[in-house]
Amino acid sequence: MSLHLLADQELINLYLSGNENAFAQLLKRHKDRVYRYINSKVRDADLANDIFQDTFIKVIKTLKRGA
């Protein structure tokens, strides 16, 4: 299965079913845009990296909670 061809919702469903590669694909797909947005607001690369990591940790926790 080619993960890069799947929609985000399909990747989320696969991730919730235990496919860690599905989350890796989601991260790859969205990381640059999310990081650029955060960095444009804080204008500090180190702080942007910290916020970026916190953001994706919260995404993982939210997905696993089913919210």
C-alpha atoms as a PDB file:
ATOM      1  CA  MET A   1       0.000   0.000   0.000  1.00  0.00           C
ATOM      2  CA  SER A   2       1.336   3.419  -0.975  1.00  0.00           C
ATOM      3  CA  LEU A   3       0.751   5.612   2.056  1.00  0.00           C
ATOM      4  CA  HIS A   4       1.565   8.834   0.252  1.00  0.00           C
ATOM      5  CA  LEU A   5      -1.528   8.361  -1.922  1.00  0.00           C
ATOM      6  CA  LEU A   6      -3.939   8.094   1.011  1.00  0.00           C
ATOM      7  CA  ALA A   7      -6.009  10.959   2.405  1.00  0.00           C
ATOM      8  CA  ASP A   8      -5.212  12.258   5.877  1.00  0.00           C
ATOM      9  CA  GLN A   9      -8.282  10.592   7.407  1.00  0.00           C
ATOM     10  CA  GLU A  10      -7.257   7.236   5.961  1.00  0.00           C
ATOM     11  CA  LEU A  11      -3.769   7.669   7.416  1.00  0.00           C
ATOM     12  CA  ILE A  12      -5.248   8.553  10.804  1.00  0.00           C
ATOM     13  CA  ASN A  13      -7.400   5.436  10.742  1.00  0.00           C
ATOM     14  CA  LEU A  14      -4.394   3.297   9.850  1.00  0.00           C
ATOM     15  CA  TYR A  15      -2.349   4.913  12.622  1.00  0.00           C
ATOM     16  CA  LEU A  16      -5.076   4.244  15.159  1.00  0.00           C
ATOM     17  CA  SER A  17      -5.076   0.624  13.995  1.00  0.00           C
ATOM     18  CA  GLY A  18      -1.396   0.374  14.871  1.00  0.00           C
ATOM     19  CA  ASN A  19       0.375   1.430  11.677  1.00  0.00           C
ATOM     20  CA  GLU A  20       3.151   3.760  12.860  1.00  0.00           C
ATOM     21  CA  ASN A  21       4.213   4.402   9.260  1.00  0.00           C
ATOM     22  CA  ALA A  22       0.868   6.074   8.647  1.00  0.00           C
ATOM     23  CA  PHE A  23       1.665   8.709  11.278  1.00  0.00           C
ATOM     24  CA  ALA A  24       5.147   9.126   9.822  1.00  0.00           C
ATOM     25  CA  GLN A  25       3.502   9.908   6.476  1.00  0.00           C
ATOM     26  CA  LEU A  26       1.178  12.452   8.101  1.00  0.00           C
ATOM     27  CA  LEU A  27       4.132  14.083   9.798  1.00  0.00           C
ATOM     28  CA  LYS A  28       6.127  14.170   6.570  1.00  0.00           C
ATOM     29  CA  ARG A  29       3.152  15.665   4.739  1.00  0.00           C
ATOM     30  CA  HIS A  30       2.493  18.498   7.218  1.00  0.00           C
ATOM     31  CA  LYS A  31       5.700  19.183   9.144  1.00  0.00           C
ATOM     32  CA  ASP A  32       7.121  21.937   6.949  1.00  0.00           C
ATOM     33  CA  ARG A  33       3.912  23.961   6.857  1.00  0.00           C
ATOM     34  CA  VAL A  34       3.284  23.598  10.594  1.00  0.00           C
ATOM     35  CA  TYR A  35       6.882  24.476  11.464  1.00  0.00           C
ATOM     36  CA  ARG A  36       6.894  27.525   9.172  1.00  0.00           C
ATOM     37  CA  TYR A  37       3.656  28.766  10.726  1.00  0.00           C
ATOM     38  CA  ILE A  38       4.972  28.381  14.270  1.00  0.00           C
ATOM     39  CA  ASN A  39       8.301  29.976  13.393  1.00  0.00           C
ATOM     40  CA  SER A  40       6.553  32.921  11.700  1.00  0.00           C
ATOM     41  CA  LYS A  41       4.796  33.632  15.001  1.00  0.00           C
ATOM     42  CA  VAL A  42       7.650  33.148  17.476  1.00  0.00           C
ATOM     43  CA  ARG A  43      10.602  34.081  15.233  1.00  0.00           C
ATOM     44  CA  ASP A  44      12.988  31.878  17.197  1.00  0.00           C
ATOM     45  CA  ALA A  45      14.107  28.577  15.670  1.00  0.00           C
ATOM     46  CA  ASP A  46      14.789  26.805  18.972  1.00  0.00           C
ATOM     47  CA  LEU A  47      11.456  27.848  20.454  1.00  0.00           C
ATOM     48  CA  ALA A  48       9.692  26.933  17.198  1.00  0.00           C
ATOM     49  CA  ASN A  49      11.236  23.444  17.348  1.00  0.00           C
ATOM     50  CA  ASP A  50      10.053  22.988  20.933  1.00  0.00           C
ATOM     51  CA  ILE A  51       6.527  24.136  20.111  1.00  0.00           C
ATOM     52  CA  PHE A  52       6.493  21.964  16.994  1.00  0.00           C
ATOM     53  CA  GLN A  53       7.401  18.870  19.013  1.00  0.00           C
ATOM     54  CA  ASP A  54       4.822  19.703  21.675  1.00  0.00           C
ATOM     55  CA  THR A  55       2.212  20.180  18.978  1.00  0.00           C
ATOM     56  CA  PHE A  56       2.737  16.742  17.459  1.00  0.00           C
ATOM     57  CA  ILE A  57       2.821  15.088  20.871  1.00  0.00           C
ATOM     58  CA  LYS A  58      -0.583  16.668  21.539  1.00  0.00           C
ATOM     59  CA  VAL A  59      -1.825  15.492  18.140  1.00  0.00           C
ATOM     60  CA  ILE A  60      -0.789  11.916  18.972  1.00  0.00           C
ATOM     61  CA  LYS A  61      -2.440  12.038  22.389  1.00  0.00           C
ATOM     62  CA  THR A  62      -5.616  13.535  20.943  1.00  0.00           C
ATOM     63  CA  LEU A  63      -5.828  10.905  18.217  1.00  0.00           C
ATOM     64  CA  LYS A  64      -5.308   8.087  20.699  1.00  0.00           C
ATOM     65  CA  ARG A  65      -8.023   9.505  22.971  1.00  0.00           C
ATOM     66  CA  GLY A  66     -10.405   9.524  20.037  1.00  0.00           C
ATOM     67  CA  ALA A  67     -11.170  13.204  20.259  1.00  0.00           C
END
